Every structure is written in C-alpha cells, then in structure tokens.
Amino acid sequence: MKTLLESNIKRVLERINKAAERSGRNFKDILLVAVTKNVPPEVIRKAYEYGLRNFGENRAQELRKKYEELKDLGITWHFIGRIQTNKVRYFVPICEYVHSVWREEEVAEISKRAGRIGKIQRVLVEVNVFGEETKAGLKPEEVEDFLKKCEKYENVFFEGLMTMAPYVENPEEVRWGFRKLRELRDYLMKRYFKNAGIKELSMGMSNDFEVAVEEGATMVRIGTAIFRR
C-alpha cells in the first residue's frame, strides 16, 4: 500500500507529464525540485527513496543541517531563498544551483567563496516579472545590463532565470508572467555573455506549476503538493 508521500510524488510527476504533453514538450526536460522548508530530514530521506533527487532549501543554516544528516544520499541541493551575503559561505560548498541571485554584491560573494574551493557556482537570476513590491528580483529590462556587469566574476555561471508568481486561485491569471520570462530567456540566449548560458527557467510552484510547464519551465519548485499531510 502506497504512503501519502509516495502518492503525492506520483501525482505531481503525472501532472508535470500531462502539462508537458499539452505543450508538445518532453517530460524529461523538466526538473522537479522538491522544496523542503520545514520538512524534517527523515521525510526527505523517504522522498529520496521514492525517486526524488533534487531538493531546495530556503534557509542557509537549515540547509547545512539537513545536508549533514543526509550526506550519505546522492542529493542535488538547490538554494532557493533570499540571499544574505554573510550566509553565502554555508550554501556554496553544498548547492549545485542557487536560484535567487539579483544583486551584484551577492554575485561577488558567491564568486569569491566558490573560487576558494575551486568551484564554478551555477546560478539563476531572480526576475520580478510580476512587479510585486514585496518580492525581490530585477525588473525584466534590467537583466541584460546586470549580466554584462557580472561578467567579471569568474566563479559563477548564469544558467538561467527564476521568478515567483503571486498566489492566485486561478493559475491562468499568472500565465502571462511565465510567458514573459520565457520570452526574456529566449532573447538573452541569443546575446553573448562571458559567463552565462541562460537556458534554464525556474518557475512554477504547487498552485501554478502546470501553467509554468506549459509556458516553458525547465525547473519547477514544489513543496506543498509533495509534502502535504
């Protein structure tokens, strides 16, 4: 008999697959990042047993604790929270991806810490597509100049863009923002940046990930739909 967690994971993967099919995409091109804020290590371990490999944390110190408890597993960690420069030293040695970069001082600190351990840190630029005053991120029109300004930092590589949509009852209301981020990504892919590929689109969470996938998301960050009880 399946546990609720196993059923939740299966259901989320099925929904991603159907959304990919509707938009003529390959399910394998979409990475599910399980958001583990407030999720205990033993539950993360179970999710790993059920096939998940990518996990995202919002808080640097919580990430470090969970990493220590779970380092026997082959987890790929993502840092997806607001960045504090004094906490960068905690997540750079652990994370494959940092999703929430949008200030030059963050890039400088990440590059410095990554350089000390001989690492090229993969990052995504957070873009405030929806114009919410309470949300972090660059305005879409600021991203190209930001990438040019950050070319001097040799130990970061800009893999793509990330955004967070406001919570809405009907996900169709935020489709335009996901489409706008994809269009920005497509434009930037045609430009040349010394330390950027700008391929990934990290967008979509538990309440809107199907629309995000239909609009081109390559990474979806899902917590509640997986770990709800």
Protein backbone atom coordinates (compact mmCIF):
# COMPACT_ATOMS: atom_id res chain seq x y z
CA MET A 1 0.00 0.00 0.00
CA LYS A 2 1.40 3.38 -1.03
CA THR A 3 2.12 6.05 1.55
CA LEU A 4 0.62 9.53 1.12
CA LEU A 5 4.07 10.92 0.31
CA GLU A 6 4.63 8.36 -2.42
CA SER A 7 1.18 9.05 -3.87
CA ASN A 8 1.79 12.82 -3.79
CA ILE A 9 5.07 12.44 -5.66
CA LYS A 10 3.49 10.18 -8.28
CA ARG A 11 0.60 12.60 -8.75
CA VAL A 12 2.86 15.63 -9.15
CA LEU A 13 5.01 13.82 -11.71
CA GLU A 14 1.89 12.78 -13.64
CA ARG A 15 0.66 16.38 -13.69
CA ILE A 16 4.02 17.62 -14.94
CA ASN A 17 3.98 14.96 -17.65
CA LYS A 18 0.47 15.88 -18.81
CA ALA A 19 1.32 19.60 -18.87
CA ALA A 20 4.42 18.79 -20.94
CA GLU A 21 2.35 16.73 -23.37
CA ARG A 22 -0.20 19.53 -23.76
CA SER A 23 2.55 21.92 -24.80
CA GLY A 24 4.44 19.48 -27.02
CA ARG A 25 7.38 19.19 -24.63
CA ASN A 26 9.41 16.28 -23.32
CA PHE A 27 8.75 15.45 -19.67
CA LYS A 28 12.46 14.64 -19.27
CA ASP A 29 13.33 18.29 -19.94
CA ILE A 30 11.61 19.40 -16.71
CA LEU A 31 13.35 19.07 -13.36
CA LEU A 32 11.25 18.65 -10.23
CA VAL A 33 12.85 20.42 -7.26
CA ALA A 34 11.18 19.35 -4.01
CA VAL A 35 11.04 22.31 -1.62
CA THR A 36 11.89 21.10 1.86
CA LYS A 37 11.34 24.19 4.01
CA ASN A 38 10.25 22.89 7.45
CA VAL A 39 10.39 19.28 6.19
CA PRO A 40 12.36 17.02 8.57
CA PRO A 41 15.34 15.01 7.27
CA GLU A 42 13.61 11.67 7.77
CA VAL A 43 10.82 12.74 5.40
CA ILE A 44 13.35 13.96 2.84
CA ARG A 45 15.03 10.57 3.10
CA LYS A 46 11.70 8.88 2.30
CA ALA A 47 11.16 11.18 -0.69
CA TYR A 48 14.62 10.18 -1.92
CA GLU A 49 13.66 6.51 -1.57
CA TYR A 50 10.62 7.27 -3.74
CA GLY A 51 12.84 8.60 -6.52
CA LEU A 52 13.34 12.32 -5.95
CA ARG A 53 16.92 13.58 -6.26
CA ASN A 54 16.67 17.40 -6.32
CA PHE A 55 15.76 19.29 -3.16
CA GLY A 56 15.51 23.02 -2.50
CA GLU A 57 16.03 24.91 0.74
CA ASN A 58 15.11 28.50 1.64
CA ARG A 59 17.37 28.97 4.65
CA ALA A 60 21.13 28.55 4.55
CA GLN A 61 21.58 27.25 8.08
CA GLU A 62 18.69 24.79 7.78
CA LEU A 63 20.21 23.60 4.52
CA ARG A 64 23.55 22.98 6.18
CA LYS A 65 21.96 20.93 8.98
CA LYS A 66 19.98 18.79 6.56
CA TYR A 67 22.98 18.31 4.32
CA GLU A 68 24.99 16.93 7.24
CA GLU A 69 22.21 14.49 8.17
CA LEU A 70 21.64 13.34 4.60
CA LYS A 71 25.07 13.45 3.01
CA ASP A 72 25.08 9.67 2.58
CA LEU A 73 22.45 10.20 -0.15
CA GLY A 74 23.13 11.43 -3.67
CA ILE A 75 21.05 14.58 -3.27
CA THR A 76 21.42 17.57 -5.60
CA TRP A 77 20.76 20.62 -3.43
CA HIS A 78 19.32 23.93 -4.65
CA PHE A 79 19.31 27.15 -2.64
CA ILE A 80 16.07 28.97 -3.46
CA GLY A 81 15.70 31.54 -0.67
CA ARG A 82 16.56 35.20 -0.19
CA ILE A 83 20.35 35.55 -0.13
CA GLN A 84 22.19 37.12 2.77
CA THR A 85 25.82 37.71 1.87
CA ASN A 86 27.02 36.61 5.32
CA LYS A 87 25.34 33.21 4.78
CA VAL A 88 26.79 32.51 1.32
CA ARG A 89 29.63 30.53 2.89
CA TYR A 90 27.06 27.99 4.10
CA PHE A 91 25.44 27.09 0.81
CA VAL A 92 28.15 27.47 -1.85
CA PRO A 93 30.00 24.28 -0.81
CA ILE A 94 26.72 22.34 -0.80
CA CYS A 95 24.49 23.55 -3.63
CA GLU A 96 24.58 22.71 -7.30
CA TYR A 97 22.26 25.65 -8.08
CA VAL A 98 21.45 29.00 -6.47
CA HIS A 99 18.10 30.23 -7.82
CA SER A 100 17.72 33.65 -6.29
CA VAL A 101 20.58 35.94 -7.36
CA TRP A 102 19.75 39.51 -8.27
CA ARG A 103 22.26 41.86 -6.63
CA GLU A 104 25.86 42.31 -7.69
CA GLU A 105 27.13 42.03 -4.12
CA GLU A 106 25.59 38.54 -3.96
CA VAL A 107 27.37 37.52 -7.16
CA ALA A 108 30.66 38.92 -5.88
CA GLU A 109 30.43 36.98 -2.61
CA ILE A 110 29.31 33.76 -4.31
CA SER A 111 32.17 34.01 -6.81
CA LYS A 112 34.69 34.67 -4.02
CA ARG A 113 33.50 31.69 -1.93
CA ALA A 114 33.30 29.41 -4.96
CA GLY A 115 36.80 30.43 -6.05
CA ARG A 116 38.23 29.40 -2.69
CA ILE A 117 37.09 25.82 -3.22
CA GLY A 118 37.80 25.67 -6.96
CA LYS A 119 34.15 25.65 -7.96
CA ILE A 120 32.08 27.34 -10.65
CA GLN A 121 28.75 28.05 -8.94
CA ARG A 122 25.69 27.66 -11.15
CA VAL A 123 23.19 30.46 -10.51
CA LEU A 124 19.90 31.78 -11.84
CA VAL A 125 18.84 35.42 -11.93
CA GLU A 126 15.70 36.22 -9.99
CA VAL A 127 13.37 38.39 -12.07
CA ASN A 128 10.39 40.21 -10.58
CA VAL A 129 8.25 39.76 -13.67
CA PHE A 130 5.01 40.46 -11.84
CA GLY A 131 6.17 43.78 -10.37
CA GLU A 132 5.33 42.96 -6.76
CA GLU A 133 6.86 45.49 -4.39
CA THR A 134 7.30 42.90 -1.63
CA LYS A 135 9.23 40.48 -3.87
CA ALA A 136 12.95 40.51 -4.62
CA GLY A 137 14.35 40.40 -8.13
CA LEU A 138 15.36 42.54 -11.06
CA LYS A 139 12.92 44.17 -13.43
CA PRO A 140 12.94 42.34 -16.78
CA GLU A 141 14.53 45.32 -18.51
CA GLU A 142 17.43 45.32 -16.01
CA VAL A 143 18.58 41.74 -16.56
CA GLU A 144 20.76 42.20 -19.64
CA ASP A 145 22.79 45.03 -18.08
CA PHE A 146 23.11 43.02 -14.86
CA LEU A 147 24.57 40.06 -16.74
CA LYS A 148 27.05 42.31 -18.54
CA LYS A 149 28.08 43.92 -15.25
CA CYS A 150 28.69 40.48 -13.70
CA GLU A 151 30.89 39.10 -16.46
CA LYS A 152 33.96 39.93 -14.37
CA TYR A 153 33.07 37.31 -11.75
CA GLU A 154 34.82 34.19 -12.95
CA ASN A 155 33.48 31.62 -10.49
CA VAL A 156 29.78 31.94 -11.30
CA PHE A 157 27.89 30.73 -14.34
CA PHE A 158 24.43 32.10 -15.06
CA GLU A 159 22.34 29.09 -16.02
CA GLY A 160 19.03 30.88 -16.45
CA LEU A 161 16.22 32.89 -14.92
CA MET A 162 13.87 32.41 -11.98
CA THR A 163 10.61 34.03 -10.89
CA MET A 164 7.88 33.68 -8.28
CA ALA A 165 4.29 34.35 -9.22
CA PRO A 166 1.79 35.80 -6.73
CA TYR A 167 -0.65 33.32 -5.28
CA VAL A 168 -3.90 33.29 -7.26
CA GLU A 169 -6.91 30.97 -7.21
CA ASN A 170 -6.82 30.64 -11.00
CA PRO A 171 -3.30 29.97 -12.35
CA GLU A 172 -4.35 31.28 -15.75
CA GLU A 173 -4.08 34.76 -14.24
CA VAL A 174 -0.29 34.43 -13.99
CA ARG A 175 0.34 32.68 -17.32
CA TRP A 176 1.35 35.98 -18.93
CA GLY A 177 4.24 36.37 -16.46
CA PHE A 178 5.65 32.92 -17.15
CA ARG A 179 5.39 33.62 -20.87
CA LYS A 180 7.19 36.93 -20.42
CA LEU A 181 10.05 35.25 -18.56
CA ARG A 182 10.38 32.65 -21.31
CA GLU A 183 10.48 35.39 -23.95
CA LEU A 184 13.17 37.20 -21.97
CA ARG A 185 15.16 33.95 -21.70
CA ASP A 186 14.84 33.38 -25.45
CA TYR A 187 16.10 36.92 -26.13
CA LEU A 188 19.05 36.59 -23.75
CA MET A 189 20.07 33.21 -25.18
CA LYS A 190 20.83 35.00 -28.45
CA ARG A 191 23.14 37.51 -26.76
CA TYR A 192 26.74 36.80 -25.80
CA PHE A 193 27.73 36.83 -22.14
CA LYS A 194 31.13 35.62 -20.99
CA ASN A 195 29.83 33.52 -18.08
CA ALA A 196 26.23 32.76 -18.98
CA GLY A 197 24.18 30.19 -20.83
CA ILE A 198 20.70 31.39 -19.81
CA LYS A 199 18.95 28.15 -20.67
CA GLU A 200 17.02 27.25 -17.52
CA LEU A 201 13.66 28.66 -16.44
CA SER A 202 12.92 28.09 -12.76
CA MET A 203 9.24 28.96 -12.39
CA GLY A 204 6.10 27.36 -11.07
CA MET A 205 5.16 26.18 -7.58
CA SER A 206 2.45 23.97 -6.11
CA ASN A 207 -0.50 26.12 -7.18
CA ASP A 208 0.63 27.07 -10.69
CA PHE A 209 3.31 24.65 -11.93
CA GLU A 210 1.22 23.17 -14.74
CA VAL A 211 0.79 26.57 -16.38
CA ALA A 212 4.51 27.24 -15.86
CA VAL A 213 5.40 23.97 -17.59
CA GLU A 214 3.09 24.82 -20.49
CA GLU A 215 4.94 28.14 -20.81
CA GLY A 216 8.41 26.59 -20.82
CA ALA A 217 9.58 25.96 -17.25
CA THR A 218 12.63 23.69 -17.07
CA MET A 219 12.61 23.62 -13.25
CA VAL A 220 9.54 23.64 -11.00
CA ARG A 221 9.87 24.23 -7.25
CA ILE A 222 7.18 22.26 -5.44
CA GLY A 223 6.71 21.83 -1.70
CA THR A 224 3.10 21.71 -0.52
CA ALA A 225 1.82 19.39 -3.25
CA ILE A 226 4.51 16.86 -2.33
CA PHE A 227 4.77 17.11 1.45
CA ARG A 228 1.20 17.91 2.48
CA ARG A 229 -0.30 15.53 5.01
